[in-house]
Protein backbone atom coordinates (compact mmCIF):
# COMPACT_ATOMS: atom_id res chain seq x y z
CA MET A 1 40.85 17.48 -9.96
CA THR A 2 44.49 16.65 -9.05
CA LEU A 3 45.96 17.67 -5.75
CA ASP A 4 48.98 15.33 -6.05
CA PRO A 5 50.79 14.96 -9.43
CA GLU A 6 51.70 11.36 -8.49
CA THR A 7 48.07 10.31 -8.16
CA PRO A 8 46.84 8.67 -11.38
CA ALA A 9 43.68 10.16 -12.88
CA THR A 10 41.67 7.03 -13.68
CA PRO A 11 38.03 8.02 -13.03
CA THR A 12 35.20 5.51 -13.22
CA PRO A 13 32.41 6.49 -15.68
CA ALA A 14 29.20 7.39 -13.86
CA PRO A 15 25.64 8.29 -14.86
CA ALA A 16 24.74 11.94 -15.31
CA ILE A 17 23.93 13.41 -11.93
CA SER A 18 22.82 16.88 -10.97
CA SER A 19 25.83 18.42 -9.24
CA GLU A 20 27.48 21.69 -8.49
CA THR A 21 31.11 22.36 -7.70
CA ARG A 22 32.48 25.57 -6.24
CA GLU A 23 36.01 26.54 -5.38
CA ILE A 24 36.76 28.08 -2.05
CA ALA A 25 38.38 31.38 -2.99
CA PRO A 26 40.54 33.12 -0.41
CA GLY A 27 38.97 36.39 0.62
CA PRO A 28 37.92 38.39 3.62
CA LYS A 29 36.58 35.24 5.30
CA ALA A 30 39.87 33.32 5.04
CA ARG A 31 41.22 32.57 8.50
CA ARG A 32 44.56 33.58 9.92
CA GLY A 33 46.66 31.01 11.67
CA SER A 34 45.44 32.16 15.07
CA GLU A 35 41.85 31.54 13.91
CA GLN A 36 42.19 27.87 12.88
CA PRO A 37 39.64 25.37 14.29
CA GLY A 38 42.09 24.25 16.93
CA VAL A 39 41.95 27.71 18.51
CA GLU A 40 38.45 29.00 17.74
CA PRO A 41 35.52 27.12 19.32
CA TRP A 42 34.32 25.36 16.14
CA ARG A 43 31.30 23.99 17.94
CA ASP A 44 29.96 27.54 18.26
CA VAL A 45 30.50 28.03 14.53
CA LEU A 46 28.52 24.87 13.72
CA LEU A 47 25.78 25.87 16.15
CA GLU A 48 25.46 29.31 14.56
CA LEU A 49 25.44 27.73 11.12
CA SER A 50 22.69 25.27 12.09
CA LEU A 51 20.53 28.12 13.42
CA GLU A 52 20.91 30.05 10.17
CA LEU A 53 19.72 27.20 7.94
CA PRO A 54 16.14 27.96 6.79
CA LEU A 55 13.32 25.52 7.46
CA ASP A 56 11.60 26.16 4.14
CA ALA A 57 14.66 25.53 1.94
CA ASN A 58 14.83 22.61 -0.46
CA PRO A 59 17.56 19.97 0.05
CA ARG A 60 19.84 21.46 -2.62
CA GLU A 61 19.66 24.93 -1.09
CA LEU A 62 20.27 23.55 2.41
CA ALA A 63 23.35 21.59 1.34
CA ASP A 64 24.75 24.58 -0.58
CA ARG A 65 24.32 26.99 2.32
CA PHE A 66 25.74 24.52 4.80
CA LEU A 67 28.84 23.76 2.73
CA ASP A 68 29.40 27.49 2.09
CA GLY A 69 29.51 28.00 5.85
CA LEU A 70 31.55 24.89 6.58
CA VAL A 71 34.45 25.80 4.28
CA VAL A 72 35.34 28.54 6.77
CA LEU A 73 36.23 25.81 9.27
CA MET A 74 37.91 23.42 6.83
CA PRO A 75 39.17 25.39 3.79
CA HIS A 76 41.95 22.86 3.16
CA LEU A 77 39.59 19.90 2.60
CA ALA A 78 37.29 18.79 -0.19
CA LEU A 79 33.71 18.76 1.09
CA GLY A 80 30.57 17.34 -0.45
CA ALA A 81 27.06 16.05 0.09
CA CYS A 82 25.05 13.46 -1.83
CA ILE A 83 21.34 14.21 -1.22
CA VAL A 84 18.66 11.67 -2.17
CA THR A 85 15.27 13.42 -2.21
CA GLU A 86 13.02 10.70 -3.68
CA PRO A 87 13.60 6.95 -4.08
CA GLY A 88 14.54 6.15 -7.65
CA GLU A 89 15.40 9.77 -8.49
CA PRO A 90 19.00 10.75 -9.34
CA PRO A 91 20.76 12.17 -6.26
CA THR A 92 21.87 15.77 -6.04
CA LEU A 93 25.61 16.28 -5.54
CA CYS A 94 27.02 19.44 -3.93
CA VAL A 95 30.82 19.81 -3.83
CA ARG A 96 33.27 22.39 -2.47
CA LEU A 97 36.98 22.18 -3.43
CA PRO A 98 40.05 23.79 -1.81
CA PRO A 99 41.45 26.92 -3.52
CA GLY A 100 43.46 26.18 -6.65
CA ALA A 101 42.10 22.66 -7.09
CA SER A 102 40.83 21.73 -10.54
CA ASP A 103 37.68 19.71 -11.09
CA ALA A 104 38.43 17.41 -14.01
CA MET A 105 37.11 14.20 -12.43
CA GLU A 106 34.12 11.97 -12.89
CA ARG A 107 32.23 11.35 -9.66
CA ASP A 108 29.39 9.16 -8.50
CA PRO A 109 27.35 9.03 -5.27
CA THR A 110 29.64 6.44 -3.69
CA ARG A 111 32.84 8.45 -4.26
CA LEU A 112 32.67 12.19 -4.78
CA PHE A 113 36.46 12.62 -4.82
CA PRO A 114 37.94 9.51 -6.51
CA LEU A 115 41.36 11.14 -7.12
CA LEU A 116 42.03 11.93 -3.48
CA ARG A 117 43.77 9.37 -1.32
CA GLU A 118 41.44 9.48 1.65
CA GLU A 119 37.67 10.11 1.55
CA ARG A 120 35.43 9.67 4.56
CA ILE A 121 31.72 9.07 3.94
CA LEU A 122 29.33 9.84 6.79
CA PRO A 123 25.56 9.16 6.78
CA LEU A 124 23.06 12.03 6.78
CA ASP A 125 19.97 9.80 6.71
CA GLU A 126 19.04 6.40 5.29
CA ALA A 127 20.13 7.37 1.76
CA SER A 128 22.03 10.69 1.82
CA THR A 129 25.72 11.02 2.71
CA PHE A 130 28.30 13.65 3.71
CA HIS A 131 31.82 13.46 2.23
CA VAL A 132 35.16 14.90 3.34
CA ALA A 133 38.39 14.12 1.48
CA THR A 134 42.09 15.00 1.40
CA ASN A 135 45.21 13.85 -0.39
CA GLY A 136 46.92 13.04 2.87
CA PRO A 137 45.90 11.59 6.21
CA LEU A 138 42.75 13.14 7.67
CA ALA A 139 43.59 14.90 10.92
CA PRO A 140 41.64 13.74 14.03
CA LEU A 141 40.25 17.24 14.59
CA ASP A 142 39.08 17.44 10.95
CA LEU A 143 37.36 14.07 11.32
CA GLN A 144 35.70 15.21 14.55
CA ILE A 145 34.42 18.39 12.88
CA ALA A 146 33.23 16.36 9.88
CA GLU A 147 31.27 13.94 12.09
CA ARG A 148 29.56 16.80 13.92
CA SER A 149 28.92 18.56 10.60
CA ALA A 150 27.18 15.46 9.25
CA GLN A 151 24.94 15.41 12.32
CA VAL A 152 24.06 19.09 11.89
CA LEU A 153 23.27 18.76 8.17
CA GLY A 154 21.36 15.52 8.68
CA LYS A 155 19.12 17.11 11.31
CA ALA A 156 18.62 20.20 9.13
CA LEU A 157 17.49 18.01 6.23
CA ALA A 158 15.12 16.12 8.56
CA ARG A 159 13.63 19.39 9.85
CA ALA A 160 13.18 20.67 6.30
CA ARG A 161 11.43 17.44 5.26
CA ALA A 162 9.14 17.64 8.30
CA PHE A 163 8.37 21.27 7.51
CA ARG A 164 7.45 20.45 3.90
CA ALA A 165 5.31 17.53 5.08
CA SER A 166 3.45 19.80 7.52
CA GLU A 167 2.91 22.34 4.73
CA ARG A 168 1.45 19.63 2.49
CA SER A 169 -0.80 18.51 5.34
CA ALA A 170 -1.95 22.09 5.94
CA ARG A 171 -2.78 22.52 2.24
CA SER A 172 -4.65 19.22 2.26
CA LEU A 173 -6.66 20.33 5.29
CA GLU A 174 -7.50 23.61 3.57
CA ARG A 175 -8.73 21.76 0.48
CA LEU A 176 -10.67 19.35 2.68
CA GLN A 177 -12.30 22.23 4.54
CA ALA A 178 -13.27 23.92 1.27
CA ARG A 179 -14.79 20.71 -0.04
CA MET A 180 -16.68 20.11 3.19
CA ILE A 181 -18.12 23.61 2.95
CA GLN A 182 -19.11 22.95 -0.65
CA ALA A 183 -20.67 19.62 0.32
CA GLU A 184 -22.67 21.36 3.05
CA LYS A 185 -23.85 23.95 0.53
CA LEU A 186 -24.98 21.20 -1.83
CA ALA A 187 -26.80 19.43 1.01
CA SER A 188 -28.59 22.65 1.95
CA LEU A 189 -29.41 23.34 -1.68
CA GLY A 190 -30.84 19.83 -1.96
CA GLN A 191 -33.16 20.48 0.97
CA ILE A 192 -34.28 23.78 -0.57
CA VAL A 193 -34.92 22.16 -3.95
CA ALA A 194 -36.85 19.33 -2.31
CA GLY A 195 -39.08 21.91 -0.61
CA ILE A 196 -39.65 23.79 -3.87
CA VAL A 197 -40.50 20.58 -5.71
CA HIS A 198 -42.96 19.69 -2.95
CA GLU A 199 -44.66 23.07 -3.40
CA LEU A 200 -45.01 22.39 -7.14
CA ASN A 201 -47.11 19.32 -6.51
CA ASN A 202 -50.28 21.29 -5.67
CA PRO A 203 -50.43 23.33 -8.92
CA LEU A 204 -49.47 20.25 -10.91
CA THR A 205 -52.33 18.34 -9.36
CA SER A 206 -54.69 21.18 -10.29
CA ILE A 207 -53.40 21.21 -13.88
CA LEU A 208 -54.06 17.48 -14.14
CA ALA A 209 -57.55 17.79 -12.68
CA TYR A 210 -58.55 20.66 -14.99
CA ALA A 211 -57.06 18.94 -18.06
CA ASP A 212 -59.02 15.80 -17.27
CA TYR A 213 -62.24 17.81 -16.72
CA LEU A 214 -61.86 19.70 -20.02
CA ALA A 215 -61.05 16.50 -21.91
CA ARG A 216 -64.19 14.75 -20.59
CA LYS A 217 -66.32 17.83 -21.33
CA ARG A 218 -64.99 18.13 -24.87
CA ARG A 219 -65.57 14.48 -25.60
CA ALA A 220 -69.19 14.81 -24.47
CA ARG A 221 -69.94 17.82 -26.71
CA ALA A 222 -68.52 17.10 -30.14
CA THR A 223 -66.80 14.50 -32.29
CA ASP A 224 -65.60 16.59 -35.24
CA SER A 225 -61.95 16.88 -36.26
CA GLU A 226 -61.48 20.14 -34.36
CA ALA A 227 -62.65 18.43 -31.18
CA GLU A 228 -60.16 15.64 -31.76
CA ASP A 229 -57.35 18.22 -32.04
CA ASP A 230 -58.43 19.83 -28.78
CA LEU A 231 -58.60 16.46 -27.09
CA GLU A 232 -55.07 15.62 -28.30
CA ARG A 233 -53.78 18.90 -26.87
CA LEU A 234 -55.46 18.22 -23.55
CA ARG A 235 -54.02 14.70 -23.55
CA ARG A 236 -50.53 16.07 -24.04
CA ILE A 237 -51.02 18.60 -21.23
CA GLU A 238 -52.17 15.81 -18.95
CA GLU A 239 -49.27 13.55 -19.95
CA ALA A 240 -46.66 16.28 -19.41
CA ALA A 241 -48.13 17.29 -16.06
CA SER A 242 -48.29 13.64 -14.94
CA ARG A 243 -44.66 13.18 -15.89
CA ILE A 244 -43.58 16.27 -13.93
CA LEU A 245 -45.67 15.23 -10.93
CA LYS A 246 -44.20 11.73 -10.91
CA PHE A 247 -40.67 13.13 -11.22
CA SER A 248 -41.20 15.64 -8.41
CA ARG A 249 -42.62 13.00 -6.07
CA ASP A 250 -39.74 10.65 -6.81
CA LEU A 251 -37.29 13.50 -6.25
CA VAL A 252 -38.78 14.37 -2.88
CA ALA A 253 -38.66 10.71 -1.86
CA TYR A 254 -35.04 10.52 -3.02
CA ALA A 255 -34.01 13.64 -1.08
CA ARG A 256 -35.79 12.59 2.13
CA PRO A 257 -33.58 10.75 4.65
CA SER A 258 -34.26 7.06 4.24
CA ALA A 259 -35.85 5.10 7.04
CA GLU A 260 -36.59 2.08 4.88
CA VAL A 261 -35.83 -1.42 6.05
CA PRO A 262 -33.91 -3.51 3.50
CA GLY A 263 -36.23 -5.75 1.53
CA PRO A 264 -36.91 -7.04 -2.00
CA VAL A 265 -36.27 -4.33 -4.60
CA SER A 266 -36.88 -4.35 -8.34
CA LEU A 267 -33.59 -3.46 -10.02
CA GLY A 268 -35.47 -2.42 -13.18
CA GLU A 269 -37.48 0.17 -11.25
CA VAL A 270 -34.37 1.47 -9.49
CA ILE A 271 -32.47 1.93 -12.75
CA GLY A 272 -35.54 3.47 -14.42
CA LYS A 273 -35.90 6.11 -11.71
CA ALA A 274 -32.17 6.87 -11.74
CA LEU A 275 -32.27 7.35 -15.52
CA GLY A 276 -35.23 9.69 -15.07
CA PHE A 277 -33.31 11.84 -12.59
CA CYS A 278 -30.33 12.01 -14.96
CA GLU A 279 -32.34 12.61 -18.13
CA HIS A 280 -31.05 16.17 -18.48
CA GLU A 281 -27.48 14.79 -18.60
CA PHE A 282 -28.25 12.64 -21.65
CA LYS A 283 -29.32 15.32 -24.14
CA SER A 284 -26.44 14.52 -26.49
CA ILE A 285 -25.63 11.03 -25.20
CA GLY A 286 -27.24 7.74 -26.19
CA VAL A 287 -28.42 5.25 -23.57
CA GLU A 288 -28.70 1.49 -24.02
CA HIS A 289 -29.99 -0.68 -21.22
CA ASP A 290 -30.45 -4.42 -21.07
CA VAL A 291 -32.26 -5.09 -17.78
CA PRO A 292 -34.58 -8.10 -18.22
CA GLU A 293 -38.08 -7.71 -16.76
CA GLU A 294 -37.89 -11.22 -15.32
CA LEU A 295 -34.82 -10.31 -13.29
CA PRO A 296 -35.36 -11.55 -9.71
CA PRO A 297 -35.53 -8.89 -6.98
CA ILE A 298 -32.42 -7.91 -5.06
CA ARG A 299 -32.21 -7.20 -1.36
CA GLY A 300 -31.72 -3.56 -0.40
CA VAL A 301 -33.13 -0.07 0.11
CA SER A 302 -34.61 1.47 -3.02
CA GLY A 303 -33.63 5.09 -2.28
CA SER A 304 -30.02 4.22 -1.51
CA LEU A 305 -29.67 2.09 -4.63
CA ILE A 306 -31.14 4.89 -6.76
CA GLN A 307 -28.42 7.15 -5.37
CA VAL A 308 -25.78 4.61 -6.44
CA PHE A 309 -26.96 4.60 -10.05
CA VAL A 310 -27.57 8.36 -10.19
CA ASN A 311 -23.92 8.89 -9.24
CA LEU A 312 -22.64 6.31 -11.74
CA PHE A 313 -24.81 7.63 -14.59
CA THR A 314 -23.86 11.25 -13.87
CA ASN A 315 -20.15 10.43 -13.78
CA ALA A 316 -20.47 8.54 -17.07
CA ALA A 317 -22.25 11.48 -18.72
CA HIS A 318 -19.58 13.93 -17.51
CA ALA A 319 -16.83 11.68 -18.90
CA MET A 320 -18.28 11.62 -22.43
CA HIS A 321 -18.52 14.11 -25.25
CA ALA A 322 -21.55 14.60 -27.48
CA GLY A 323 -22.34 11.37 -29.29
CA GLY A 324 -21.14 9.16 -26.46
CA ARG A 325 -23.06 6.10 -25.33
CA LEU A 326 -23.97 4.78 -21.90
CA ARG A 327 -24.59 1.03 -21.70
CA ILE A 328 -26.32 -0.67 -18.78
CA ARG A 329 -26.46 -4.45 -18.60
CA ALA A 330 -27.80 -6.66 -15.81
CA ARG A 331 -27.76 -10.44 -15.47
CA VAL A 332 -28.03 -13.07 -12.78
CA GLU A 333 -24.92 -14.82 -11.48
CA PRO A 334 -26.41 -18.12 -10.18
CA THR A 335 -23.27 -19.33 -8.41
CA ALA A 336 -23.00 -16.11 -6.40
CA ARG A 337 -26.76 -15.74 -5.81
CA ALA A 338 -26.44 -12.17 -6.99
CA VAL A 339 -27.22 -9.80 -9.83
CA LEU A 340 -24.31 -8.30 -11.77
CA VAL A 341 -24.77 -4.85 -13.28
CA ASP A 342 -22.35 -3.25 -15.75
CA VAL A 343 -22.40 0.53 -16.20
CA GLN A 344 -20.18 1.28 -19.19
CA ASP A 345 -19.27 4.50 -20.96
CA ASP A 346 -16.98 5.24 -23.88
CA GLY A 347 -15.63 8.45 -22.37
CA LEU A 348 -12.21 9.73 -21.37
CA GLY A 349 -11.36 6.82 -19.07
CA ILE A 350 -9.26 6.94 -15.93
CA GLU A 351 -5.48 7.28 -15.78
CA PRO A 352 -3.82 4.12 -14.37
CA GLU A 353 -2.36 5.96 -11.38
CA ASN A 354 -5.85 7.22 -10.42
CA VAL A 355 -7.79 3.95 -10.63
CA SER A 356 -6.90 2.97 -7.07
CA LEU A 357 -7.86 6.45 -5.77
CA ILE A 358 -11.31 7.03 -7.27
CA PHE A 359 -13.20 5.60 -4.29
CA GLU A 360 -11.28 7.77 -1.81
CA PRO A 361 -13.30 10.63 -0.23
CA PHE A 362 -12.79 14.01 -1.92
CA PHE A 363 -10.66 12.60 -4.75
CA THR A 364 -11.86 13.94 -8.09
CA THR A 365 -10.46 14.60 -11.55
CA LYS A 366 -13.40 16.84 -12.50
CA THR A 367 -13.00 20.57 -13.00
CA GLU A 368 -13.92 23.00 -10.22
CA GLY A 369 -17.66 23.12 -9.64
CA ARG A 370 -18.47 19.77 -11.30
CA GLY A 371 -17.87 17.48 -8.37
CA THR A 372 -16.81 17.25 -4.73
CA GLY A 373 -15.07 13.87 -4.95
CA LEU A 374 -17.65 12.27 -2.65
CA GLY A 375 -19.82 10.49 -5.23
CA LEU A 376 -17.90 7.26 -5.71
CA SER A 377 -16.96 7.09 -2.04
CA ILE A 378 -20.68 7.20 -1.17
CA VAL A 379 -21.40 4.63 -3.88
CA ARG A 380 -18.92 2.16 -2.44
CA GLY A 381 -20.25 2.73 1.08
CA ILE A 382 -23.84 2.01 0.00
CA VAL A 383 -22.83 -1.07 -1.99
CA ASP A 384 -20.84 -2.36 1.00
CA THR A 385 -23.81 -1.94 3.36
CA HIS A 386 -25.92 -3.96 0.88
CA GLY A 387 -23.41 -6.81 1.07
CA GLY A 388 -22.32 -6.22 -2.51
CA THR A 389 -19.14 -5.27 -4.33
CA ILE A 390 -18.11 -2.72 -6.94
CA ALA A 391 -15.18 -3.08 -9.32
CA VAL A 392 -13.84 -0.84 -12.07
CA ARG A 393 -12.02 -1.43 -15.36
CA SER A 394 -10.74 1.54 -17.30
CA ALA A 395 -8.23 2.64 -19.88
CA ALA A 396 -7.36 6.26 -20.58
CA GLY A 397 -9.20 7.40 -23.72
CA ARG A 398 -11.15 4.13 -24.05
CA GLY A 399 -13.90 4.41 -21.45
CA THR A 400 -14.77 2.90 -18.10
CA VAL A 401 -16.85 -0.03 -16.83
CA PHE A 402 -18.19 -0.26 -13.28
CA THR A 403 -19.44 -3.71 -12.29
CA LEU A 404 -21.74 -4.02 -9.29
CA THR A 405 -22.59 -7.29 -7.56
CA LEU A 406 -25.81 -7.08 -5.54
CA PRO A 407 -27.20 -10.04 -3.53
CA LEU A 408 -30.57 -11.50 -4.49
CA ALA A 409 -33.45 -11.14 -2.06
CA GLY A 410 -33.53 -14.14 0.26
CA SER A 411 -29.79 -14.80 -0.11
């Protein structure tokens, strides 16, 4: 753009920046001499303009609407705004030129009008700026209007940012409320299931008693091959019923609020029960566990520790496809007087930006209906109350390893 033929056009190269330039065309809104800012109360014009700016507009839209209204007051000046929305992101440039001015210049955020002799830069906030330029001296009244204009636009941008922040907070609260409702449903469902399982114990006990009676009676009557087949069938009935009864009793104990006092706990038994609860998750997934029988007891509450491993095993199963493998390894760390447990899967892994968020309440990357985002938060809380630690190592597409450190009994 050249407003003065004597001004050399020597623009400085600048990076590509989102910008928009509009010329101020004379039309029905052009002012007559009697309507110049010196006569008309320009403060009222700025006030009306500030009231018309929408709260829900984005920064680009706000700057465009403001400059479109401001050119009525200062049609003879070049006006612009450099809006920085996010740190590190390229700024958005909005420019309005006087009628007849060409726009053949390179511009950057520090100088929107490098070919004009005088350019005033006024702050809108910590990073954004308002620009007014002319090829001659800037009149005092124009400078005064520009300063007030910068204040109006700066406050409009601040209001818009606050409005967007409140909208994000409202959406977050809605999601939180929905997840709390879902968590309450799951808690209620757990109580119902625990009651149903408790009711199953009586018929299971009867099945076991009758199977044992028939097996003893059959053994007393005959020893032929047919009797042996019948005895094998009865043995399998008894074994299956015993397994269901043990599982149901463990499940009821797990669902019941814990009133246990921390004491010595066998880590092998805890992991065994947790694997039993999650058995249905491992239909197409292999499980390897290296938990030595001679492992010394840890200090804690059995039911709470079972919950820790149920959550970790379930998460691992959900992260893997058919053919995946869950590996559990425990060993003593003598210097720390603790047991270290690795729970490793070869599943999808965790994205780097999410690793620091996985222990936050209600954060989840699972699809709708597969998790509330509370599991790992609860896990960390339980581990903390046991005086232990939990750490995670993960790479997207290469699996995840959770390492728990649990103090030995007597430590």
